[in-house]
N, C-alpha and C. Protein backbone atom coordinates (compact mmCIF):
# COMPACT_ATOMS: atom_id res chain seq x y z
N MET A 1 127.33 156.81 112.47
CA MET A 1 126.44 155.67 112.52
C MET A 1 124.98 156.10 112.42
N LYS A 2 124.68 157.27 113.00
CA LYS A 2 123.31 157.74 112.97
C LYS A 2 122.86 158.02 111.54
N SER A 3 123.73 158.60 110.72
CA SER A 3 123.34 158.91 109.35
C SER A 3 123.09 157.63 108.54
N PHE A 4 123.86 156.57 108.80
CA PHE A 4 123.62 155.30 108.11
C PHE A 4 122.26 154.74 108.52
N HIS A 5 121.96 154.81 109.81
CA HIS A 5 120.66 154.35 110.31
C HIS A 5 119.53 155.16 109.68
N GLU A 6 119.72 156.46 109.56
CA GLU A 6 118.70 157.32 108.94
C GLU A 6 118.52 156.96 107.46
N PHE A 7 119.64 156.67 106.79
CA PHE A 7 119.59 156.28 105.38
C PHE A 7 118.78 154.99 105.21
N ILE A 8 119.05 154.01 106.04
CA ILE A 8 118.32 152.73 105.99
C ILE A 8 116.84 152.95 106.29
N GLU A 9 116.56 153.79 107.26
CA GLU A 9 115.17 154.09 107.61
C GLU A 9 114.45 154.79 106.46
N ARG A 10 115.15 155.69 105.78
CA ARG A 10 114.56 156.39 104.64
C ARG A 10 114.25 155.40 103.51
N ILE A 11 115.17 154.49 103.26
CA ILE A 11 114.93 153.47 102.22
C ILE A 11 113.72 152.62 102.58
N ARG A 12 113.63 152.20 103.85
CA ARG A 12 112.48 151.42 104.29
C ARG A 12 111.18 152.19 104.07
N GLU A 13 111.22 153.46 104.41
CA GLU A 13 110.04 154.31 104.24
C GLU A 13 109.67 154.46 102.76
N TYR A 14 110.66 154.68 101.90
CA TYR A 14 110.40 154.80 100.47
C TYR A 14 109.85 153.51 99.89
N ARG A 15 110.38 152.39 100.35
CA ARG A 15 109.86 151.09 99.89
C ARG A 15 108.40 150.94 100.27
N GLU A 16 108.07 151.35 101.48
CA GLU A 16 106.70 151.23 101.96
C GLU A 16 105.76 152.17 101.19
N ILE A 17 106.17 153.41 101.02
CA ILE A 17 105.33 154.39 100.32
C ILE A 17 105.11 153.98 98.87
N SER A 18 106.17 153.57 98.20
CA SER A 18 106.09 153.26 96.77
C SER A 18 105.58 151.85 96.48
N GLU A 19 105.56 151.01 97.51
CA GLU A 19 105.13 149.61 97.34
C GLU A 19 105.93 148.92 96.23
N VAL A 20 107.23 149.14 96.24
CA VAL A 20 108.09 148.65 95.16
C VAL A 20 108.50 147.19 95.33
N ASP A 21 108.47 146.66 96.54
CA ASP A 21 109.01 145.32 96.79
C ASP A 21 108.36 144.23 95.94
N GLU A 22 107.05 144.21 95.90
CA GLU A 22 106.35 143.16 95.17
C GLU A 22 106.69 143.22 93.67
N TYR A 23 106.69 144.41 93.13
CA TYR A 23 106.98 144.56 91.70
C TYR A 23 108.44 144.19 91.40
N ALA A 24 109.36 144.61 92.26
CA ALA A 24 110.77 144.27 92.07
C ALA A 24 110.98 142.76 92.16
N ARG A 25 110.27 142.12 93.05
CA ARG A 25 110.35 140.66 93.19
C ARG A 25 109.90 139.98 91.90
N ARG A 26 108.80 140.46 91.33
CA ARG A 26 108.31 139.89 90.05
C ARG A 26 109.33 140.11 88.94
N LEU A 27 109.87 141.31 88.87
CA LEU A 27 110.85 141.61 87.83
C LEU A 27 112.10 140.75 87.98
N PHE A 28 112.55 140.57 89.22
CA PHE A 28 113.73 139.74 89.45
C PHE A 28 113.49 138.34 88.92
N SER A 29 112.34 137.77 89.22
CA SER A 29 112.02 136.42 88.77
C SER A 29 111.92 136.35 87.25
N MET A 30 111.15 137.25 86.67
CA MET A 30 110.95 137.22 85.21
C MET A 30 112.26 137.45 84.46
N ASN A 31 113.02 138.43 84.89
CA ASN A 31 114.25 138.76 84.17
C ASN A 31 115.38 137.80 84.48
N GLY A 32 115.37 137.21 85.66
CA GLY A 32 116.33 136.14 85.93
C GLY A 32 116.05 134.95 85.02
N PHE A 33 114.79 134.65 84.85
CA PHE A 33 114.37 133.58 83.93
C PHE A 33 114.81 133.93 82.50
N ASP A 34 114.56 135.17 82.08
CA ASP A 34 114.97 135.61 80.74
C ASP A 34 116.47 135.49 80.53
N GLY A 35 117.24 135.87 81.54
CA GLY A 35 118.70 135.75 81.44
C GLY A 35 119.13 134.31 81.25
N CYS A 36 118.52 133.41 82.02
CA CYS A 36 118.85 131.98 81.89
C CYS A 36 118.50 131.45 80.50
N ILE A 37 117.30 131.71 80.07
CA ILE A 37 116.84 131.16 78.79
C ILE A 37 117.61 131.76 77.62
N THR A 38 117.89 133.05 77.68
CA THR A 38 118.63 133.70 76.59
C THR A 38 120.04 133.12 76.47
N ILE A 39 120.74 133.03 77.59
CA ILE A 39 122.12 132.52 77.52
C ILE A 39 122.11 131.03 77.22
N LEU A 40 121.07 130.32 77.64
CA LEU A 40 120.94 128.91 77.27
C LEU A 40 120.86 128.79 75.75
N GLY A 41 120.07 129.64 75.12
CA GLY A 41 119.96 129.63 73.66
C GLY A 41 121.30 129.91 73.00
N VAL A 42 122.02 130.89 73.53
CA VAL A 42 123.35 131.23 72.98
C VAL A 42 124.28 130.03 73.12
N LEU A 43 124.30 129.43 74.31
CA LEU A 43 125.21 128.30 74.55
C LEU A 43 124.82 127.07 73.71
N ILE A 44 123.54 126.81 73.57
CA ILE A 44 123.11 125.69 72.73
C ILE A 44 123.54 125.93 71.29
N GLY A 45 123.40 127.16 70.82
CA GLY A 45 123.86 127.49 69.47
C GLY A 45 125.34 127.24 69.30
N PHE A 46 126.14 127.67 70.27
CA PHE A 46 127.58 127.42 70.22
C PHE A 46 127.87 125.92 70.25
N TYR A 47 127.16 125.22 71.12
CA TYR A 47 127.39 123.77 71.29
C TYR A 47 127.07 123.02 70.00
N ILE A 48 125.93 123.33 69.41
CA ILE A 48 125.51 122.67 68.17
C ILE A 48 126.50 122.96 67.04
N GLN A 49 127.04 124.17 67.02
CA GLN A 49 128.01 124.54 65.99
C GLN A 49 129.43 124.09 66.33
N ASN A 50 129.55 123.40 67.46
CA ASN A 50 130.84 122.86 67.91
C ASN A 50 131.89 123.98 68.08
N ILE A 51 131.46 125.09 68.66
CA ILE A 51 132.39 126.20 68.95
C ILE A 51 133.20 125.80 70.18
N ASN A 52 134.50 125.72 70.01
CA ASN A 52 135.37 125.24 71.08
C ASN A 52 136.37 126.29 71.55
N GLU A 53 136.01 127.55 71.41
CA GLU A 53 136.88 128.64 71.84
C GLU A 53 136.28 129.29 73.08
N PRO A 54 136.74 128.90 74.26
CA PRO A 54 136.12 129.37 75.50
C PRO A 54 136.11 130.89 75.66
N LEU A 55 137.18 131.55 75.22
CA LEU A 55 137.21 133.01 75.37
C LEU A 55 136.16 133.67 74.47
N LEU A 56 135.99 133.15 73.27
CA LEU A 56 134.96 133.65 72.37
C LEU A 56 133.57 133.44 72.97
N ILE A 57 133.33 132.25 73.49
CA ILE A 57 132.04 131.93 74.12
C ILE A 57 131.79 132.89 75.28
N PHE A 58 132.81 133.08 76.12
CA PHE A 58 132.67 133.95 77.28
C PHE A 58 132.39 135.39 76.85
N LYS A 59 133.16 135.89 75.89
CA LYS A 59 133.00 137.29 75.46
C LYS A 59 131.62 137.53 74.84
N ILE A 60 131.19 136.64 73.97
CA ILE A 60 129.87 136.82 73.35
C ILE A 60 128.77 136.65 74.39
N GLY A 61 128.96 135.72 75.31
CA GLY A 61 127.99 135.55 76.39
C GLY A 61 127.89 136.78 77.27
N VAL A 62 129.04 137.35 77.63
CA VAL A 62 129.04 138.57 78.46
C VAL A 62 128.42 139.73 77.68
N ALA A 63 128.74 139.84 76.39
CA ALA A 63 128.13 140.89 75.57
C ALA A 63 126.61 140.74 75.55
N THR A 64 126.14 139.51 75.45
CA THR A 64 124.70 139.25 75.48
C THR A 64 124.11 139.64 76.84
N ALA A 65 124.81 139.28 77.91
CA ALA A 65 124.35 139.63 79.26
C ALA A 65 124.31 141.14 79.45
N ILE A 66 125.33 141.83 78.95
CA ILE A 66 125.36 143.30 79.06
C ILE A 66 124.21 143.91 78.26
N ALA A 67 123.96 143.37 77.08
CA ALA A 67 122.85 143.88 76.26
C ALA A 67 121.52 143.70 76.98
N MET A 68 121.32 142.53 77.61
CA MET A 68 120.08 142.32 78.37
C MET A 68 120.00 143.30 79.53
N ALA A 69 121.12 143.52 80.21
CA ALA A 69 121.13 144.44 81.35
C ALA A 69 120.83 145.87 80.91
N MET A 70 121.45 146.31 79.84
CA MET A 70 121.21 147.67 79.35
C MET A 70 119.77 147.85 78.88
N SER A 71 119.27 146.85 78.19
CA SER A 71 117.87 146.90 77.74
C SER A 71 116.94 146.97 78.94
N GLY A 72 117.21 146.14 79.94
CA GLY A 72 116.39 146.14 81.14
C GLY A 72 116.48 147.45 81.89
N LEU A 73 117.70 147.95 82.04
CA LEU A 73 117.91 149.18 82.79
C LEU A 73 117.18 150.35 82.14
N TRP A 74 117.44 150.56 80.87
CA TRP A 74 116.88 151.73 80.20
C TRP A 74 115.38 151.56 79.96
N GLY A 75 114.97 150.39 79.48
CA GLY A 75 113.55 150.15 79.22
C GLY A 75 112.72 150.25 80.48
N ALA A 76 113.19 149.63 81.55
CA ALA A 76 112.45 149.68 82.81
C ALA A 76 112.44 151.09 83.39
N TYR A 77 113.58 151.77 83.29
CA TYR A 77 113.64 153.13 83.83
C TYR A 77 112.63 154.04 83.14
N LEU A 78 112.64 154.02 81.81
CA LEU A 78 111.72 154.89 81.06
C LEU A 78 110.26 154.53 81.33
N THR A 79 109.98 153.23 81.32
CA THR A 79 108.61 152.77 81.54
C THR A 79 108.14 153.07 82.95
N GLU A 80 108.95 152.69 83.93
CA GLU A 80 108.57 152.89 85.33
C GLU A 80 108.47 154.38 85.66
N ARG A 81 109.37 155.17 85.14
CA ARG A 81 109.33 156.62 85.37
C ARG A 81 108.02 157.19 84.85
N SER A 82 107.63 156.79 83.65
CA SER A 82 106.37 157.28 83.08
C SER A 82 105.18 156.89 83.95
N GLU A 83 105.16 155.64 84.38
CA GLU A 83 104.05 155.17 85.22
C GLU A 83 104.02 155.89 86.56
N ARG A 84 105.19 156.06 87.17
CA ARG A 84 105.25 156.73 88.47
C ARG A 84 104.89 158.22 88.35
N ILE A 85 105.31 158.87 87.27
CA ILE A 85 104.93 160.28 87.06
C ILE A 85 103.42 160.38 86.89
N LYS A 86 102.85 159.45 86.13
CA LYS A 86 101.39 159.44 85.95
C LYS A 86 100.70 159.30 87.30
N ASP A 87 101.17 158.37 88.13
CA ASP A 87 100.59 158.18 89.46
C ASP A 87 100.72 159.44 90.32
N LEU A 88 101.91 160.06 90.27
CA LEU A 88 102.14 161.26 91.06
C LEU A 88 101.23 162.40 90.60
N LYS A 89 101.09 162.57 89.30
CA LYS A 89 100.22 163.63 88.78
C LYS A 89 98.76 163.39 89.16
N GLU A 90 98.34 162.15 89.14
CA GLU A 90 96.97 161.83 89.55
C GLU A 90 96.77 162.16 91.03
N LEU A 91 97.74 161.80 91.85
CA LEU A 91 97.66 162.10 93.27
C LEU A 91 97.69 163.61 93.50
N GLU A 92 98.51 164.32 92.75
CA GLU A 92 98.55 165.78 92.86
C GLU A 92 97.23 166.41 92.45
N ARG A 93 96.61 165.85 91.43
CA ARG A 93 95.31 166.37 90.98
C ARG A 93 94.27 166.20 92.08
N VAL A 94 94.26 165.05 92.71
CA VAL A 94 93.28 164.75 93.75
C VAL A 94 93.54 165.60 95.00
N THR A 95 94.81 165.76 95.36
CA THR A 95 95.13 166.50 96.59
C THR A 95 95.31 168.00 96.36
N ILE A 96 95.30 168.39 95.11
CA ILE A 96 95.47 169.80 94.73
C ILE A 96 96.76 170.37 95.34
N SER A 97 97.85 169.63 95.19
CA SER A 97 99.14 170.11 95.71
C SER A 97 100.29 169.50 94.91
N ASP A 98 101.41 170.18 94.95
CA ASP A 98 102.62 169.71 94.28
C ASP A 98 103.33 168.74 95.23
N LEU A 99 103.46 167.49 94.80
CA LEU A 99 104.06 166.47 95.65
C LEU A 99 105.47 166.07 95.21
N SER A 100 106.00 166.74 94.20
CA SER A 100 107.29 166.33 93.63
C SER A 100 108.44 166.43 94.63
N ASN A 101 108.40 167.38 95.55
CA ASN A 101 109.48 167.53 96.53
C ASN A 101 109.09 167.03 97.92
N THR A 102 108.19 166.06 97.94
CA THR A 102 107.76 165.46 99.21
C THR A 102 108.34 164.06 99.31
N LYS A 103 108.08 163.40 100.44
CA LYS A 103 108.50 162.01 100.60
C LYS A 103 107.86 161.13 99.53
N ILE A 104 106.65 161.45 99.16
CA ILE A 104 105.95 160.66 98.13
C ILE A 104 106.69 160.78 96.80
N GLY A 105 107.04 162.00 96.42
CA GLY A 105 107.79 162.19 95.18
C GLY A 105 109.13 161.49 95.22
N SER A 106 109.82 161.61 96.35
CA SER A 106 111.12 160.94 96.50
C SER A 106 110.97 159.43 96.46
N ALA A 107 109.93 158.92 97.09
CA ALA A 107 109.69 157.47 97.10
C ALA A 107 109.42 156.94 95.70
N LEU A 108 108.69 157.70 94.91
CA LEU A 108 108.39 157.27 93.54
C LEU A 108 109.65 157.31 92.67
N ARG A 109 110.51 158.29 92.88
CA ARG A 109 111.78 158.32 92.15
C ARG A 109 112.67 157.16 92.59
N PHE A 110 112.68 156.87 93.88
CA PHE A 110 113.43 155.74 94.42
C PHE A 110 112.95 154.44 93.78
N ALA A 111 111.64 154.26 93.71
CA ALA A 111 111.07 153.04 93.13
C ALA A 111 111.47 152.88 91.67
N THR A 112 111.51 153.98 90.94
CA THR A 112 111.91 153.93 89.53
C THR A 112 113.34 153.40 89.40
N ILE A 113 114.23 153.88 90.25
CA ILE A 113 115.62 153.43 90.21
C ILE A 113 115.74 151.98 90.63
N VAL A 114 115.03 151.58 91.68
CA VAL A 114 115.07 150.19 92.14
C VAL A 114 114.60 149.25 91.04
N VAL A 115 113.48 149.57 90.43
CA VAL A 115 112.92 148.73 89.37
C VAL A 115 113.90 148.61 88.21
N ALA A 116 114.49 149.73 87.81
CA ALA A 116 115.45 149.70 86.70
C ALA A 116 116.68 148.86 87.05
N MET A 117 117.17 148.99 88.27
CA MET A 117 118.35 148.21 88.68
C MET A 117 118.04 146.72 88.74
N VAL A 118 116.91 146.36 89.30
CA VAL A 118 116.53 144.94 89.36
C VAL A 118 116.35 144.38 87.95
N ASP A 119 115.71 145.16 87.10
CA ASP A 119 115.48 144.74 85.72
C ASP A 119 116.79 144.51 84.99
N ALA A 120 117.82 145.25 85.34
CA ALA A 120 119.14 145.11 84.71
C ALA A 120 119.97 144.00 85.34
N ILE A 121 119.98 143.95 86.65
CA ILE A 121 120.88 143.03 87.36
C ILE A 121 120.45 141.58 87.21
N ALA A 122 119.17 141.29 87.30
CA ALA A 122 118.70 139.90 87.29
C ALA A 122 119.14 139.12 86.06
N PRO A 123 118.91 139.60 84.84
CA PRO A 123 119.34 138.80 83.69
C PRO A 123 120.86 138.75 83.55
N PHE A 124 121.53 139.83 83.95
CA PHE A 124 122.99 139.83 83.85
C PHE A 124 123.59 138.76 84.76
N VAL A 125 123.15 138.74 86.01
CA VAL A 125 123.71 137.80 86.98
C VAL A 125 123.43 136.35 86.57
N THR A 126 122.19 136.06 86.20
CA THR A 126 121.87 134.67 85.85
C THR A 126 122.63 134.22 84.60
N ALA A 127 122.81 135.12 83.65
CA ALA A 127 123.57 134.77 82.44
C ALA A 127 125.06 134.63 82.78
N PHE A 128 125.58 135.57 83.54
CA PHE A 128 127.01 135.56 83.86
C PHE A 128 127.41 134.30 84.64
N LEU A 129 126.58 133.89 85.57
CA LEU A 129 126.88 132.68 86.35
C LEU A 129 127.13 131.49 85.43
N ALA A 130 126.34 131.38 84.38
CA ALA A 130 126.47 130.25 83.47
C ALA A 130 127.73 130.33 82.61
N LEU A 131 128.31 131.49 82.51
CA LEU A 131 129.51 131.67 81.69
C LEU A 131 130.80 131.41 82.45
N ILE A 132 130.74 131.40 83.75
CA ILE A 132 131.94 131.24 84.58
C ILE A 132 132.75 129.98 84.22
N PRO A 133 132.12 128.83 83.96
CA PRO A 133 132.94 127.65 83.64
C PRO A 133 133.90 127.86 82.46
N PHE A 134 133.55 128.72 81.53
CA PHE A 134 134.42 128.94 80.37
C PHE A 134 135.69 129.69 80.75
N LEU A 135 135.71 130.30 81.92
CA LEU A 135 136.93 130.93 82.43
C LEU A 135 137.93 129.88 82.92
N PHE A 136 137.44 128.67 83.15
CA PHE A 136 138.28 127.59 83.65
C PHE A 136 138.59 126.55 82.58
N ALA A 137 138.45 126.95 81.33
CA ALA A 137 138.67 126.02 80.21
C ALA A 137 140.12 125.54 80.15
N LYS A 138 141.03 126.27 80.78
CA LYS A 138 142.42 125.82 80.87
C LYS A 138 142.53 124.50 81.63
N PHE A 139 141.63 124.34 82.58
CA PHE A 139 141.67 123.18 83.47
C PHE A 139 140.62 122.14 83.13
N LEU A 140 139.65 122.51 82.31
CA LEU A 140 138.53 121.62 81.99
C LEU A 140 138.41 121.45 80.48
N ASP A 141 137.91 120.31 80.09
CA ASP A 141 137.58 120.06 78.69
C ASP A 141 136.42 121.00 78.31
N ILE A 142 136.40 121.48 77.07
CA ILE A 142 135.36 122.43 76.64
C ILE A 142 133.96 121.84 76.80
N LYS A 143 133.80 120.55 76.52
CA LYS A 143 132.48 119.92 76.69
C LYS A 143 132.07 119.97 78.16
N THR A 144 133.04 119.77 79.05
CA THR A 144 132.74 119.84 80.48
C THR A 144 132.29 121.25 80.85
N CYS A 145 132.91 122.27 80.26
CA CYS A 145 132.49 123.66 80.50
C CYS A 145 131.04 123.85 80.09
N TYR A 146 130.70 123.33 78.91
CA TYR A 146 129.31 123.42 78.45
C TYR A 146 128.38 122.73 79.43
N TYR A 147 128.71 121.50 79.82
CA TYR A 147 127.83 120.73 80.70
C TYR A 147 127.67 121.42 82.06
N ILE A 148 128.76 121.95 82.59
CA ILE A 148 128.67 122.67 83.87
C ILE A 148 127.79 123.91 83.70
N SER A 149 127.94 124.60 82.59
CA SER A 149 127.09 125.77 82.33
C SER A 149 125.62 125.39 82.27
N PHE A 150 125.32 124.30 81.58
CA PHE A 150 123.93 123.84 81.50
C PHE A 150 123.41 123.48 82.89
N ILE A 151 124.25 122.83 83.70
CA ILE A 151 123.85 122.48 85.07
C ILE A 151 123.59 123.75 85.88
N ILE A 152 124.46 124.74 85.74
CA ILE A 152 124.27 126.01 86.45
C ILE A 152 122.95 126.66 86.02
N LEU A 153 122.68 126.67 84.72
CA LEU A 153 121.44 127.28 84.23
C LEU A 153 120.21 126.57 84.76
N PHE A 154 120.20 125.24 84.68
CA PHE A 154 119.02 124.52 85.15
C PHE A 154 118.90 124.60 86.67
N SER A 155 120.02 124.66 87.38
CA SER A 155 119.98 124.85 88.83
C SER A 155 119.43 126.24 89.18
N THR A 156 119.85 127.24 88.41
CA THR A 156 119.34 128.60 88.63
C THR A 156 117.84 128.66 88.39
N LEU A 157 117.39 128.02 87.32
CA LEU A 157 115.94 127.97 87.05
C LEU A 157 115.21 127.25 88.18
N PHE A 158 115.80 126.17 88.67
CA PHE A 158 115.22 125.41 89.78
C PHE A 158 115.11 126.31 91.02
N LEU A 159 116.18 127.06 91.31
CA LEU A 159 116.16 127.96 92.47
C LEU A 159 115.15 129.09 92.29
N LEU A 160 115.01 129.59 91.07
CA LEU A 160 113.97 130.59 90.81
C LEU A 160 112.59 130.00 91.08
N GLY A 161 112.41 128.75 90.71
CA GLY A 161 111.15 128.07 90.99
C GLY A 161 110.89 127.95 92.48
N ILE A 162 111.92 127.61 93.24
CA ILE A 162 111.78 127.54 94.70
C ILE A 162 111.42 128.92 95.25
N PHE A 163 112.09 129.94 94.76
CA PHE A 163 111.79 131.31 95.18
C PHE A 163 110.32 131.65 94.91
N LEU A 164 109.85 131.33 93.72
CA LEU A 164 108.45 131.61 93.38
C LEU A 164 107.50 130.76 94.23
N GLY A 165 107.89 129.54 94.53
CA GLY A 165 107.09 128.70 95.40
C GLY A 165 106.97 129.28 96.80
N ARG A 166 108.06 129.85 97.30
CA ARG A 166 108.02 130.49 98.62
C ARG A 166 107.11 131.72 98.60
N VAL A 167 107.20 132.49 97.52
CA VAL A 167 106.35 133.69 97.40
C VAL A 167 104.88 133.29 97.39
N SER A 168 104.55 132.27 96.60
CA SER A 168 103.15 131.86 96.46
C SER A 168 102.70 130.88 97.54
N LYS A 169 103.63 130.49 98.41
CA LYS A 169 103.34 129.54 99.48
C LYS A 169 102.81 128.21 98.92
N GLU A 170 103.42 127.79 97.81
CA GLU A 170 103.09 126.51 97.19
C GLU A 170 104.18 125.51 97.53
N ASN A 171 103.94 124.27 97.13
CA ASN A 171 104.94 123.24 97.31
C ASN A 171 106.21 123.65 96.55
N LEU A 172 107.32 123.75 97.28
CA LEU A 172 108.55 124.26 96.68
C LEU A 172 109.09 123.36 95.58
N LEU A 173 109.01 122.06 95.79
CA LEU A 173 109.52 121.13 94.78
C LEU A 173 108.70 121.22 93.50
N ILE A 174 107.40 121.26 93.62
CA ILE A 174 106.54 121.35 92.43
C ILE A 174 106.78 122.69 91.72
N ALA A 175 106.89 123.77 92.49
CA ALA A 175 107.15 125.08 91.89
C ALA A 175 108.50 125.08 91.17
N ALA A 176 109.49 124.44 91.77
CA ALA A 176 110.82 124.39 91.15
C ALA A 176 110.81 123.56 89.88
N ILE A 177 110.09 122.46 89.89
CA ILE A 177 110.02 121.59 88.71
C ILE A 177 109.31 122.30 87.57
N LYS A 178 108.32 123.12 87.88
CA LYS A 178 107.58 123.85 86.85
C LYS A 178 108.48 124.78 86.05
N THR A 179 109.51 125.31 86.70
CA THR A 179 110.39 126.23 85.97
C THR A 179 111.37 125.45 85.15
């Protein structure tokens, strides 16, 4: 139990040193929004073309979600790693010491991984949630699957708006409606 407590404490410390929380929160919101809008576009395209094959819709939707996740993971990792290395080198220059094997170096590596994971997970989850109704096409009419998916997407956007409203301490309803 002590090692788990130490692990949690180390994560808290790395979060504090790297100041990753605020940036991860922004990425979650932006990429969750991207996941919703991207899969909305895919679903609208299918709907307009009268595609009535739920398994096809689900597979292409999941492939799209995976592509967004991989793009987010790799793009964010490379970008964040470069920025964090730049910051570490600047700090090393000022302090005239090697910080790569210190808590600061570890915290910056931790932040890079957190940012990459958030960048990948947010669009995947928001897109995947909207695809779930197509798994129930055996029990539902295909149009109903589409409508439920659209409701899930707009509800997710609404919840992202509430989340952003809480962050900015604005009126939650107005913030939700804006999204």
